[in-house]
Amino acid sequence: MGTPVFANPQLWAWAAIAVAAAWLVSLLSPILAPFLFAAILGYILDPMVEKLTARRLPRTLADLYERVRARKDHSVAVGAVARHLAEATYWVLARQESYHEPQRKLKAVSSTNG
């Protein structure tokens, strides 16, 4: 006869590792949940982003981030983009109309002050 299954030390080691991993995941679940949600959301939205990029959709938010980032630091640029999104969401919900890309106002540059 062979040795009983429960007498195998390798089985006990793998069982201990599995229990420790399950305990660690349950302990860190409040921290891991947003990362898991973001990964799932990114996986789901990736085909849509690829199609929009292929159509050369205007990148208003990226442009806003880059303009602010050129003058300020990263956190200020992220705050500007978040504020723009919050204001756009408010106005879309308050007026119940579709979102329109803002038009950039280009200033005429003159080499003279006149």
PDB file of N, CA and C in Angstrom:
ATOM      1  N   MET A   1       0.834  -1.185   0.000  1.00  0.00           N
ATOM      2  CA  MET A   1       0.000   0.000   0.000  1.00  0.00           C
ATOM      3  C   MET A   1       0.875   1.244   0.000  1.00  0.00           C
ATOM      4  N   GLY A   2       0.360   2.293  -0.577  1.00  0.00           N
ATOM      5  CA  GLY A   2       1.080   3.552  -0.614  1.00  0.00           C
ATOM      6  C   GLY A   2       0.811   4.364   0.651  1.00  0.00           C
ATOM      7  N   THR A   3       1.471   5.474   0.741  1.00  0.00           N
ATOM      8  CA  THR A   3       1.251   6.355   1.888  1.00  0.00           C
ATOM      9  C   THR A   3      -0.071   7.098   1.723  1.00  0.00           C
ATOM     10  N   PRO A   4      -0.726   7.424   2.824  1.00  0.00           N
ATOM     11  CA  PRO A   4      -1.982   8.169   2.720  1.00  0.00           C
ATOM     12  C   PRO A   4      -1.747   9.555   2.111  1.00  0.00           C
ATOM     13  N   VAL A   5      -2.771  10.082   1.492  1.00  0.00           N
ATOM     14  CA  VAL A   5      -2.665  11.371   0.814  1.00  0.00           C
ATOM     15  C   VAL A   5      -2.326  12.474   1.803  1.00  0.00           C
ATOM     16  N   PHE A   6      -2.897  12.420   2.989  1.00  0.00           N
ATOM     17  CA  PHE A   6      -2.684  13.485   3.976  1.00  0.00           C
ATOM     18  C   PHE A   6      -1.326  13.409   4.656  1.00  0.00           C
ATOM     19  N   ALA A   7      -0.555  12.358   4.391  1.00  0.00           N
ATOM     20  CA  ALA A   7       0.781  12.251   4.967  1.00  0.00           C
ATOM     21  C   ALA A   7       1.828  12.898   4.058  1.00  0.00           C
ATOM     22  N   ASN A   8       1.436  13.359   2.906  1.00  0.00           N
ATOM     23  CA  ASN A   8       2.355  13.962   1.953  1.00  0.00           C
ATOM     24  C   ASN A   8       2.687  15.389   2.396  1.00  0.00           C
ATOM     25  N   PRO A   9       3.944  15.697   2.718  1.00  0.00           N
ATOM     26  CA  PRO A   9       4.292  17.045   3.172  1.00  0.00           C
ATOM     27  C   PRO A   9       4.136  18.109   2.084  1.00  0.00           C
ATOM     28  N   GLN A  10       4.307  17.738   0.821  1.00  0.00           N
ATOM     29  CA  GLN A  10       4.145  18.703  -0.259  1.00  0.00           C
ATOM     30  C   GLN A  10       2.687  19.159  -0.358  1.00  0.00           C
ATOM     31  N   LEU A  11       1.749  18.274  -0.132  1.00  0.00           N
ATOM     32  CA  LEU A  11       0.335  18.631  -0.136  1.00  0.00           C
ATOM     33  C   LEU A  11       0.034  19.632   0.973  1.00  0.00           C
ATOM     34  N   TRP A  12       0.604  19.410   2.146  1.00  0.00           N
ATOM     35  CA  TRP A  12       0.394  20.336   3.270  1.00  0.00           C
ATOM     36  C   TRP A  12       1.010  21.702   2.978  1.00  0.00           C
ATOM     37  N   ALA A  13       2.145  21.716   2.318  1.00  0.00           N
ATOM     38  CA  ALA A  13       2.787  22.988   1.985  1.00  0.00           C
ATOM     39  C   ALA A  13       1.914  23.776   1.014  1.00  0.00           C
ATOM     40  N   TRP A  14       1.400  23.104  -0.033  1.00  0.00           N
ATOM     41  CA  TRP A  14       0.537  23.793  -0.991  1.00  0.00           C
ATOM     42  C   TRP A  14      -0.765  24.248  -0.335  1.00  0.00           C
ATOM     43  N   ALA A  15      -1.302  23.451   0.572  1.00  0.00           N
ATOM     44  CA  ALA A  15      -2.523  23.844   1.288  1.00  0.00           C
ATOM     45  C   ALA A  15      -2.264  25.072   2.155  1.00  0.00           C
ATOM     46  N   ALA A  16      -1.104  25.120   2.818  1.00  0.00           N
ATOM     47  CA  ALA A  16      -0.762  26.276   3.644  1.00  0.00           C
ATOM     48  C   ALA A  16      -0.576  27.527   2.789  1.00  0.00           C
ATOM     49  N   ILE A  17       0.049  27.372   1.630  1.00  0.00           N
ATOM     50  CA  ILE A  17       0.224  28.511   0.723  1.00  0.00           C
ATOM     51  C   ILE A  17      -1.132  29.012   0.231  1.00  0.00           C
ATOM     52  N   ALA A  18      -2.035  28.104  -0.105  1.00  0.00           N
ATOM     53  CA  ALA A  18      -3.364  28.500  -0.577  1.00  0.00           C
ATOM     54  C   ALA A  18      -4.146  29.216   0.515  1.00  0.00           C
ATOM     55  N   VAL A  19      -4.071  28.731   1.742  1.00  0.00           N
ATOM     56  CA  VAL A  19      -4.770  29.378   2.864  1.00  0.00           C
ATOM     57  C   VAL A  19      -4.167  30.766   3.123  1.00  0.00           C
ATOM     58  N   ALA A  20      -2.843  30.878   3.096  1.00  0.00           N
ATOM     59  CA  ALA A  20      -2.193  32.167   3.319  1.00  0.00           C
ATOM     60  C   ALA A  20      -2.553  33.158   2.209  1.00  0.00           C
ATOM     61  N   ALA A  21      -2.591  32.697   0.964  1.00  0.00           N
ATOM     62  CA  ALA A  21      -2.949  33.581  -0.151  1.00  0.00           C
ATOM     63  C   ALA A  21      -4.395  34.037  -0.028  1.00  0.00           C
ATOM     64  N   ALA A  22      -5.304  33.128   0.331  1.00  0.00           N
ATOM     65  CA  ALA A  22      -6.712  33.497   0.502  1.00  0.00           C
ATOM     66  C   ALA A  22      -6.873  34.493   1.644  1.00  0.00           C
ATOM     67  N   TRP A  23      -6.137  34.305   2.719  1.00  0.00           N
ATOM     68  CA  TRP A  23      -6.210  35.239   3.853  1.00  0.00           C
ATOM     69  C   TRP A  23      -5.681  36.619   3.457  1.00  0.00           C
ATOM     70  N   LEU A  24      -4.582  36.635   2.708  1.00  0.00           N
ATOM     71  CA  LEU A  24      -3.998  37.897   2.270  1.00  0.00           C
ATOM     72  C   LEU A  24      -4.933  38.650   1.313  1.00  0.00           C
ATOM     73  N   VAL A  25      -5.567  37.930   0.401  1.00  0.00           N
ATOM     74  CA  VAL A  25      -6.509  38.566  -0.526  1.00  0.00           C
ATOM     75  C   VAL A  25      -7.711  39.117   0.239  1.00  0.00           C
ATOM     76  N   SER A  26      -8.220  38.359   1.209  1.00  0.00           N
ATOM     77  CA  SER A  26      -9.362  38.857   1.989  1.00  0.00           C
ATOM     78  C   SER A  26      -8.964  40.066   2.834  1.00  0.00           C
ATOM     79  N   LEU A  27      -7.743  40.087   3.315  1.00  0.00           N
ATOM     80  CA  LEU A  27      -7.264  41.213   4.114  1.00  0.00           C
ATOM     81  C   LEU A  27      -7.102  42.467   3.255  1.00  0.00           C
ATOM     82  N   LEU A  28      -6.617  42.301   2.033  1.00  0.00           N
ATOM     83  CA  LEU A  28      -6.344  43.427   1.151  1.00  0.00           C
ATOM     84  C   LEU A  28      -7.489  43.718   0.170  1.00  0.00           C
ATOM     85  N   SER A  29      -8.620  43.080   0.309  1.00  0.00           N
ATOM     86  CA  SER A  29      -9.709  43.253  -0.653  1.00  0.00           C
ATOM     87  C   SER A  29     -10.190  44.701  -0.772  1.00  0.00           C
ATOM     88  N   PRO A  30     -10.249  45.506   0.311  1.00  0.00           N
ATOM     89  CA  PRO A  30     -10.647  46.902   0.104  1.00  0.00           C
ATOM     90  C   PRO A  30      -9.653  47.681  -0.763  1.00  0.00           C
ATOM     91  N   ILE A  31      -8.400  47.292  -0.736  1.00  0.00           N
ATOM     92  CA  ILE A  31      -7.381  47.970  -1.530  1.00  0.00           C
ATOM     93  C   ILE A  31      -7.348  47.421  -2.953  1.00  0.00           C
ATOM     94  N   LEU A  32      -7.562  46.123  -3.101  1.00  0.00           N
ATOM     95  CA  LEU A  32      -7.467  45.487  -4.412  1.00  0.00           C
ATOM     96  C   LEU A  32      -8.708  45.694  -5.266  1.00  0.00           C
ATOM     97  N   ALA A  33      -9.854  45.961  -4.659  1.00  0.00           N
ATOM     98  CA  ALA A  33     -11.107  46.086  -5.412  1.00  0.00           C
ATOM     99  C   ALA A  33     -11.051  47.192  -6.475  1.00  0.00           C
ATOM    100  N   PRO A  34     -10.571  48.409  -6.163  1.00  0.00           N
ATOM    101  CA  PRO A  34     -10.503  49.435  -7.218  1.00  0.00           C
ATOM    102  C   PRO A  34      -9.575  49.057  -8.369  1.00  0.00           C
ATOM    103  N   PHE A  35      -8.472  48.375  -8.066  1.00  0.00           N
ATOM    104  CA  PHE A  35      -7.561  47.956  -9.122  1.00  0.00           C
ATOM    105  C   PHE A  35      -8.206  46.904 -10.015  1.00  0.00           C
ATOM    106  N   LEU A  36      -8.927  45.974  -9.401  1.00  0.00           N
ATOM    107  CA  LEU A  36      -9.631  44.956 -10.166  1.00  0.00           C
ATOM    108  C   LEU A  36     -10.715  45.586 -11.032  1.00  0.00           C
ATOM    109  N   PHE A  37     -11.458  46.538 -10.466  1.00  0.00           N
ATOM    110  CA  PHE A  37     -12.498  47.233 -11.223  1.00  0.00           C
ATOM    111  C   PHE A  37     -11.885  47.994 -12.400  1.00  0.00           C
ATOM    112  N   ALA A  38     -10.783  48.684 -12.168  1.00  0.00           N
ATOM    113  CA  ALA A  38     -10.127  49.448 -13.239  1.00  0.00           C
ATOM    114  C   ALA A  38      -9.611  48.516 -14.335  1.00  0.00           C
ATOM    115  N   ALA A  39      -9.073  47.375 -13.959  1.00  0.00           N
ATOM    116  CA  ALA A  39      -8.575  46.429 -14.957  1.00  0.00           C
ATOM    117  C   ALA A  39      -9.719  45.890 -15.808  1.00  0.00           C
ATOM    118  N   ILE A  40     -10.838  45.545 -15.180  1.00  0.00           N
ATOM    119  CA  ILE A  40     -11.995  45.047 -15.920  1.00  0.00           C
ATOM    120  C   ILE A  40     -12.547  46.136 -16.825  1.00  0.00           C
ATOM    121  N   LEU A  41     -12.666  47.356 -16.312  1.00  0.00           N
ATOM    122  CA  LEU A  41     -13.183  48.463 -17.107  1.00  0.00           C
ATOM    123  C   LEU A  41     -12.272  48.760 -18.297  1.00  0.00           C
ATOM    124  N   GLY A  42     -10.982  48.752 -18.083  1.00  0.00           N
ATOM    125  CA  GLY A  42     -10.036  48.968 -19.167  1.00  0.00           C
ATOM    126  C   GLY A  42     -10.120  47.871 -20.225  1.00  0.00           C
ATOM    127  N   TYR A  43     -10.297  46.644 -19.786  1.00  0.00           N
ATOM    128  CA  TYR A  43     -10.423  45.524 -20.716  1.00  0.00           C
ATOM    129  C   TYR A  43     -11.685  45.652 -21.555  1.00  0.00           C
ATOM    130  N   ILE A  44     -12.790  46.072 -20.922  1.00  0.00           N
ATOM    131  CA  ILE A  44     -14.061  46.206 -21.631  1.00  0.00           C
ATOM    132  C   ILE A  44     -14.027  47.386 -22.608  1.00  0.00           C
ATOM    133  N   LEU A  45     -13.443  48.510 -22.194  1.00  0.00           N
ATOM    134  CA  LEU A  45     -13.474  49.726 -23.013  1.00  0.00           C
ATOM    135  C   LEU A  45     -12.369  49.808 -24.057  1.00  0.00           C
ATOM    136  N   ASP A  46     -11.402  48.914 -24.014  1.00  0.00           N
ATOM    137  CA  ASP A  46     -10.278  48.989 -24.940  1.00  0.00           C
ATOM    138  C   ASP A  46     -10.705  48.939 -26.409  1.00  0.00           C
ATOM    139  N   PRO A  47     -11.606  48.054 -26.838  1.00  0.00           N
ATOM    140  CA  PRO A  47     -12.002  48.065 -28.257  1.00  0.00           C
ATOM    141  C   PRO A  47     -12.643  49.389 -28.682  1.00  0.00           C
ATOM    142  N   MET A  48     -13.438  49.986 -27.809  1.00  0.00           N
ATOM    143  CA  MET A  48     -14.073  51.256 -28.142  1.00  0.00           C
ATOM    144  C   MET A  48     -13.017  52.356 -28.304  1.00  0.00           C
ATOM    145  N   VAL A  49     -12.050  52.396 -27.422  1.00  0.00           N
ATOM    146  CA  VAL A  49     -10.988  53.398 -27.508  1.00  0.00           C
ATOM    147  C   VAL A  49     -10.180  53.202 -28.788  1.00  0.00           C
ATOM    148  N   GLU A  50      -9.918  51.962 -29.154  1.00  0.00           N
ATOM    149  CA  GLU A  50      -9.181  51.687 -30.388  1.00  0.00           C
ATOM    150  C   GLU A  50      -9.959  52.190 -31.609  1.00  0.00           C
ATOM    151  N   LYS A  51     -11.268  51.982 -31.628  1.00  0.00           N
ATOM    152  CA  LYS A  51     -12.083  52.448 -32.762  1.00  0.00           C
ATOM    153  C   LYS A  51     -12.109  53.972 -32.822  1.00  0.00           C
ATOM    154  N   LEU A  52     -12.240  54.621 -31.666  1.00  0.00           N
ATOM    155  CA  LEU A  52     -12.269  56.081 -31.650  1.00  0.00           C
ATOM    156  C   LEU A  52     -10.920  56.663 -32.064  1.00  0.00           C
ATOM    157  N   THR A  53      -9.853  56.022 -31.659  1.00  0.00           N
ATOM    158  CA  THR A  53      -8.521  56.473 -32.051  1.00  0.00           C
ATOM    159  C   THR A  53      -8.321  56.299 -33.554  1.00  0.00           C
ATOM    160  N   ALA A  54      -8.826  55.216 -34.097  1.00  0.00           N
ATOM    161  CA  ALA A  54      -8.698  54.980 -35.533  1.00  0.00           C
ATOM    162  C   ALA A  54      -9.458  56.030 -36.341  1.00  0.00           C
ATOM    163  N   ARG A  55     -10.543  56.562 -35.781  1.00  0.00           N
ATOM    164  CA  ARG A  55     -11.326  57.597 -36.468  1.00  0.00           C
ATOM    165  C   ARG A  55     -10.761  58.996 -36.233  1.00  0.00           C
ATOM    166  N   ARG A  56      -9.675  59.085 -35.496  1.00  0.00           N
ATOM    167  CA  ARG A  56      -9.024  60.363 -35.183  1.00  0.00           C
ATOM    168  C   ARG A  56      -9.967  61.325 -34.484  1.00  0.00           C
ATOM    169  N   LEU A  57     -10.656  60.813 -33.475  1.00  0.00           N
ATOM    170  CA  LEU A  57     -11.556  61.630 -32.668  1.00  0.00           C
ATOM    171  C   LEU A  57     -10.741  62.693 -31.934  1.00  0.00           C
ATOM    172  N   PRO A  58     -11.252  63.915 -31.796  1.00  0.00           N
ATOM    173  CA  PRO A  58     -10.504  64.953 -31.095  1.00  0.00           C
ATOM    174  C   PRO A  58     -10.174  64.538 -29.657  1.00  0.00           C
ATOM    175  N   ARG A  59      -9.000  64.870 -29.242  1.00  0.00           N
ATOM    176  CA  ARG A  59      -8.541  64.496 -27.908  1.00  0.00           C
ATOM    177  C   ARG A  59      -8.535  65.717 -27.006  1.00  0.00           C
ATOM    178  N   THR A  60      -9.717  66.226 -26.705  1.00  0.00           N
ATOM    179  CA  THR A  60      -9.848  67.454 -25.938  1.00  0.00           C
ATOM    180  C   THR A  60      -9.225  67.332 -24.555  1.00  0.00           C
ATOM    181  N   LEU A  61      -9.512  66.249 -23.860  1.00  0.00           N
ATOM    182  CA  LEU A  61      -9.005  66.102 -22.492  1.00  0.00           C
ATOM    183  C   LEU A  61      -7.494  65.923 -22.465  1.00  0.00           C
ATOM    184  N   ALA A  62      -6.975  65.168 -23.420  1.00  0.00           N
ATOM    185  CA  ALA A  62      -5.520  65.011 -23.483  1.00  0.00           C
ATOM    186  C   ALA A  62      -4.860  66.341 -23.807  1.00  0.00           C
ATOM    187  N   ASP A  63      -5.493  67.100 -24.685  1.00  0.00           N
ATOM    188  CA  ASP A  63      -4.968  68.425 -25.040  1.00  0.00           C
ATOM    189  C   ASP A  63      -4.996  69.355 -23.832  1.00  0.00           C
ATOM    190  N   LEU A  64      -6.103  69.335 -23.092  1.00  0.00           N
ATOM    191  CA  LEU A  64      -6.196  70.155 -21.877  1.00  0.00           C
ATOM    192  C   LEU A  64      -5.115  69.766 -20.878  1.00  0.00           C
ATOM    193  N   TYR A  65      -4.940  68.459 -20.681  1.00  0.00           N
ATOM    194  CA  TYR A  65      -3.907  67.992 -19.754  1.00  0.00           C
ATOM    195  C   TYR A  65      -2.528  68.485 -20.186  1.00  0.00           C
ATOM    196  N   GLU A  66      -2.216  68.333 -21.456  1.00  0.00           N
ATOM    197  CA  GLU A  66      -0.893  68.731 -21.944  1.00  0.00           C
ATOM    198  C   GLU A  66      -0.662  70.228 -21.804  1.00  0.00           C
ATOM    199  N   ARG A  67      -1.693  71.049 -22.090  1.00  0.00           N
ATOM    200  CA  ARG A  67      -1.532  72.499 -21.964  1.00  0.00           C
ATOM    201  C   ARG A  67      -1.283  72.908 -20.522  1.00  0.00           C
ATOM    202  N   VAL A  68      -2.035  72.315 -19.584  1.00  0.00           N
ATOM    203  CA  VAL A  68      -1.842  72.672 -18.176  1.00  0.00           C
ATOM    204  C   VAL A  68      -0.530  72.098 -17.668  1.00  0.00           C
ATOM    205  N   ARG A  69      -0.187  70.895 -18.109  1.00  0.00           N
ATOM    206  CA  ARG A  69       1.037  70.234 -17.655  1.00  0.00           C
ATOM    207  C   ARG A  69       2.275  70.997 -18.102  1.00  0.00           C
ATOM    208  N   ALA A  70       2.176  71.697 -19.214  1.00  0.00           N
ATOM    209  CA  ALA A  70       3.326  72.476 -19.693  1.00  0.00           C
ATOM    210  C   ALA A  70       3.644  73.626 -18.739  1.00  0.00           C
ATOM    211  N   ARG A  71       2.623  74.129 -18.033  1.00  0.00           N
ATOM    212  CA  ARG A  71       2.827  75.261 -17.138  1.00  0.00           C
ATOM    213  C   ARG A  71       2.892  74.859 -15.663  1.00  0.00           C
ATOM    214  N   LYS A  72       2.184  73.806 -15.296  1.00  0.00           N
ATOM    215  CA  LYS A  72       2.088  73.391 -13.887  1.00  0.00           C
ATOM    216  C   LYS A  72       2.543  71.946 -13.748  1.00  0.00           C
ATOM    217  N   ASP A  73       2.364  71.390 -12.547  1.00  0.00           N
ATOM    218  CA  ASP A  73       2.762  70.004 -12.338  1.00  0.00           C
ATOM    219  C   ASP A  73       1.605  69.043 -12.650  1.00  0.00           C
ATOM    220  N   HIS A  74       1.877  67.749 -12.533  1.00  0.00           N
ATOM    221  CA  HIS A  74       0.938  66.694 -12.897  1.00  0.00           C
ATOM    222  C   HIS A  74      -0.373  66.779 -12.122  1.00  0.00           C
ATOM    223  N   SER A  75      -0.290  66.986 -10.819  1.00  0.00           N
ATOM    224  CA  SER A  75      -1.512  66.988 -10.005  1.00  0.00           C
ATOM    225  C   SER A  75      -2.445  68.139 -10.376  1.00  0.00           C
ATOM    226  N   VAL A  76      -1.900  69.284 -10.730  1.00  0.00           N
ATOM    227  CA  VAL A  76      -2.725  70.418 -11.153  1.00  0.00           C
ATOM    228  C   VAL A  76      -3.392  70.104 -12.491  1.00  0.00           C
ATOM    229  N   ALA A  77      -2.648  69.466 -13.399  1.00  0.00           N
ATOM    230  CA  ALA A  77      -3.215  69.108 -14.697  1.00  0.00           C
ATOM    231  C   ALA A  77      -4.331  68.083 -14.549  1.00  0.00           C
ATOM    232  N   VAL A  78      -4.135  67.108 -13.689  1.00  0.00           N
ATOM    233  CA  VAL A  78      -5.188  66.113 -13.446  1.00  0.00           C
ATOM    234  C   VAL A  78      -6.408  66.783 -12.826  1.00  0.00           C
ATOM    235  N   GLY A  79      -6.189  67.717 -11.919  1.00  0.00           N
ATOM    236  CA  GLY A  79      -7.300  68.457 -11.329  1.00  0.00           C
ATOM    237  C   GLY A  79      -8.065  69.267 -12.356  1.00  0.00           C
ATOM    238  N   ALA A  80      -7.354  69.862 -13.307  1.00  0.00           N
ATOM    239  CA  ALA A  80      -8.019  70.635 -14.360  1.00  0.00           C
ATOM    240  C   ALA A  80      -8.883  69.736 -15.239  1.00  0.00           C
ATOM    241  N   VAL A  81      -8.375  68.571 -15.569  1.00  0.00           N
ATOM    242  CA  VAL A  81      -9.151  67.632 -16.386  1.00  0.00           C
ATOM    243  C   VAL A  81     -10.366  67.138 -15.599  1.00  0.00           C
ATOM    244  N   ALA A  82     -10.177  66.836 -14.313  1.00  0.00           N
ATOM    245  CA  ALA A  82     -11.298  66.377 -13.487  1.00  0.00           C
ATOM    246  C   ALA A  82     -12.361  67.466 -13.366  1.00  0.00           C
ATOM    247  N   ARG A  83     -11.921  68.707 -13.213  1.00  0.00           N
ATOM    248  CA  ARG A  83     -12.885  69.808 -13.118  1.00  0.00           C
ATOM    249  C   ARG A  83     -13.644  69.976 -14.432  1.00  0.00           C
ATOM    250  N   HIS A  84     -12.939  69.877 -15.543  1.00  0.00           N
ATOM    251  CA  HIS A  84     -13.590  69.982 -16.839  1.00  0.00           C
ATOM    252  C   HIS A  84     -14.647  68.876 -17.000  1.00  0.00           C
ATOM    253  N   LEU A  85     -14.295  67.650 -16.616  1.00  0.00           N
ATOM    254  CA  LEU A  85     -15.245  66.540 -16.713  1.00  0.00           C
ATOM    255  C   LEU A  85     -16.445  66.755 -15.799  1.00  0.00           C
ATOM    256  N   ALA A  86     -16.200  67.240 -14.574  1.00  0.00           N
ATOM    257  CA  ALA A  86     -17.307  67.482 -13.649  1.00  0.00           C
ATOM    258  C   ALA A  86     -18.238  68.567 -14.172  1.00  0.00           C
ATOM    259  N   GLU A  87     -17.678  69.659 -14.685  1.00  0.00           N
ATOM    260  CA  GLU A  87     -18.508  70.733 -15.226  1.00  0.00           C
ATOM    261  C   GLU A  87     -19.276  70.274 -16.458  1.00  0.00           C
ATOM    262  N   ALA A  88     -18.627  69.535 -17.338  1.00  0.00           N
ATOM    263  CA  ALA A  88     -19.307  69.049 -18.535  1.00  0.00           C
ATOM    264  C   ALA A  88     -20.437  68.099 -18.159  1.00  0.00           C
ATOM    265  N   THR A  89     -20.193  67.237 -17.188  1.00  0.00           N
ATOM    266  CA  THR A  89     -21.236  66.312 -16.740  1.00  0.00           C
ATOM    267  C   THR A  89     -22.394  67.069 -16.129  1.00  0.00           C
ATOM    268  N   TYR A  90     -22.108  68.073 -15.311  1.00  0.00           N
ATOM    269  CA  TYR A  90     -23.175  68.863 -14.697  1.00  0.00           C
ATOM    270  C   TYR A  90     -24.046  69.527 -15.755  1.00  0.00           C
ATOM    271  N   TRP A  91     -23.405  70.180 -16.733  1.00  0.00           N
ATOM    272  CA  TRP A  91     -24.184  70.905 -17.735  1.00  0.00           C
ATOM    273  C   TRP A  91     -24.952  69.969 -18.649  1.00  0.00           C
ATOM    274  N   VAL A  92     -24.378  68.821 -18.946  1.00  0.00           N
ATOM    275  CA  VAL A  92     -25.104  67.851 -19.770  1.00  0.00           C
ATOM    276  C   VAL A  92     -26.331  67.344 -19.022  1.00  0.00           C
ATOM    277  N   LEU A  93     -26.176  67.081 -17.737  1.00  0.00           N
ATOM    278  CA  LEU A  93     -27.310  66.583 -16.956  1.00  0.00           C
ATOM    279  C   LEU A  93     -28.317  67.683 -16.654  1.00  0.00           C
ATOM    280  N   ALA A  94     -27.856  68.897 -16.395  1.00  0.00           N
ATOM    281  CA  ALA A  94     -28.770  69.991 -16.047  1.00  0.00           C
ATOM    282  C   ALA A  94     -29.586  70.443 -17.259  1.00  0.00           C
ATOM    283  N   ARG A  95     -28.932  70.544 -18.410  1.00  0.00           N
ATOM    284  CA  ARG A  95     -29.631  71.016 -19.612  1.00  0.00           C
ATOM    285  C   ARG A  95     -30.205  69.875 -20.452  1.00  0.00           C
ATOM    286  N   GLN A  96     -29.796  68.653 -20.143  1.00  0.00           N
ATOM    287  CA  GLN A  96     -30.227  67.459 -20.862  1.00  0.00           C
ATOM    288  C   GLN A  96     -29.991  67.589 -22.368  1.00  0.00           C
ATOM    289  N   GLU A  97     -28.792  67.995 -22.697  1.00  0.00           N
ATOM    290  CA  GLU A  97     -28.412  68.088 -24.100  1.00  0.00           C
ATOM    291  C   GLU A  97     -27.092  67.362 -24.289  1.00  0.00           C
ATOM    292  N   SER A  98     -26.755  67.075 -25.516  1.00  0.00           N
ATOM    293  CA  SER A  98     -25.534  66.325 -25.774  1.00  0.00           C
ATOM    294  C   SER A  98     -24.299  67.208 -25.575  1.00  0.00           C
ATOM    295  N   TYR A  99     -23.186  66.557 -25.360  1.00  0.00           N
ATOM    296  CA  TYR A  99     -21.924  67.246 -25.121  1.00  0.00           C
ATOM    297  C   TYR A  99     -21.322  67.690 -26.447  1.00  0.00           C
ATOM    298  N   HIS A 100     -20.822  68.908 -26.484  1.00  0.00           N
ATOM    299  CA  HIS A 100     -20.134  69.437 -27.662  1.00  0.00           C
ATOM    300  C   HIS A 100     -18.708  69.789 -27.270  1.00  0.00           C
ATOM    301  N   GLU A 101     -17.785  69.410 -28.122  1.00  0.00           N
ATOM    302  CA  GLU A 101     -16.380  69.718 -27.873  1.00  0.00           C
ATOM    303  C   GLU A 101     -16.185  71.227 -27.835  1.00  0.00           C
ATOM    304  N   PRO A 102     -15.438  71.739 -26.863  1.00  0.00           N
ATOM    305  CA  PRO A 102     -15.171  73.181 -26.857  1.00  0.00           C
ATOM    306  C   PRO A 102     -14.231  73.545 -28.003  1.00  0.00           C
ATOM    307  N   GLN A 103     -14.471  74.687 -28.586  1.00  0.00           N
ATOM    308  CA  GLN A 103     -13.617  75.172 -29.667  1.00  0.00           C
ATOM    309  C   GLN A 103     -12.469  75.964 -29.063  1.00  0.00           C
ATOM    310  N   ARG A 104     -11.266  75.639 -29.465  1.00  0.00           N
ATOM    311  CA  ARG A 104     -10.094  76.373 -28.979  1.00  0.00           C
ATOM    312  C   ARG A 104     -10.028  77.722 -29.646  1.00  0.00           C
ATOM    313  N   LYS A 105      -9.826  78.715 -28.837  1.00  0.00           N
ATOM    314  CA  LYS A 105      -9.687  80.067 -29.366  1.00  0.00           C
ATOM    315  C   LYS A 105      -8.210  80.347 -29.577  1.00  0.00           C
ATOM    316  N   LEU A 106      -7.864  80.546 -30.816  1.00  0.00           N
ATOM    317  CA  LEU A 106      -6.474  80.850 -31.127  1.00  0.00           C
ATOM    318  C   LEU A 106      -6.303  82.348 -31.217  1.00  0.00           C
ATOM    319  N   LYS A 107      -5.327  82.849 -30.514  1.00  0.00           N
ATOM    320  CA  LYS A 107      -5.044  84.278 -30.537  1.00  0.00           C
ATOM    321  C   LYS A 107      -4.073  84.589 -31.672  1.00  0.00           C
ATOM    322  N   ALA A 108      -4.306  85.704 -32.300  1.00  0.00           N
ATOM    323  CA  ALA A 108      -3.379  86.156 -33.327  1.00  0.00           C
ATOM    324  C   ALA A 108      -2.096  86.632 -32.642  1.00  0.00           C
ATOM    325  N   VAL A 109      -1.000  86.172 -33.112  1.00  0.00           N
ATOM    326  CA  VAL A 109       0.276  86.551 -32.541  1.00  0.00           C
ATOM    327  C   VAL A 109       0.900  87.617 -33.412  1.00  0.00           C
ATOM    328  N   SER A 110       1.313  88.680 -32.786  1.00  0.00           N
ATOM    329  CA  SER A 110       1.916  89.779 -33.528  1.00  0.00           C
ATOM    330  C   SER A 110       3.294  90.056 -32.975  1.00  0.00           C
ATOM    331  N   SER A 111       4.176  90.387 -33.851  1.00  0.00           N
ATOM    332  CA  SER A 111       5.540  90.710 -33.397  1.00  0.00           C
ATOM    333  C   SER A 111       5.621  92.161 -32.937  1.00  0.00           C
ATOM    334  N   THR A 112       4.594  92.923 -33.226  1.00  0.00           N
ATOM    335  CA  THR A 112       4.563  94.319 -32.775  1.00  0.00           C
ATOM    336  C   THR A 112       3.458  94.480 -31.752  1.00  0.00           C
ATOM    337  N   ASN A 113       3.516  95.516 -30.977  1.00  0.00           N
ATOM    338  CA  ASN A 113       2.498  95.758 -29.965  1.00  0.00           C
ATOM    339  C   ASN A 113       1.317  96.558 -30.510  1.00  0.00           C
ATOM    340  N   GLY A 114       1.293  96.898 -31.745  1.00  0.00           N
ATOM    341  CA  GLY A 114       0.277  97.735 -32.323  1.00  0.00           C
ATOM    342  C   GLY A 114      -0.810  97.043 -32.988  1.00  0.00           C
TER     343      GLY A 114
END
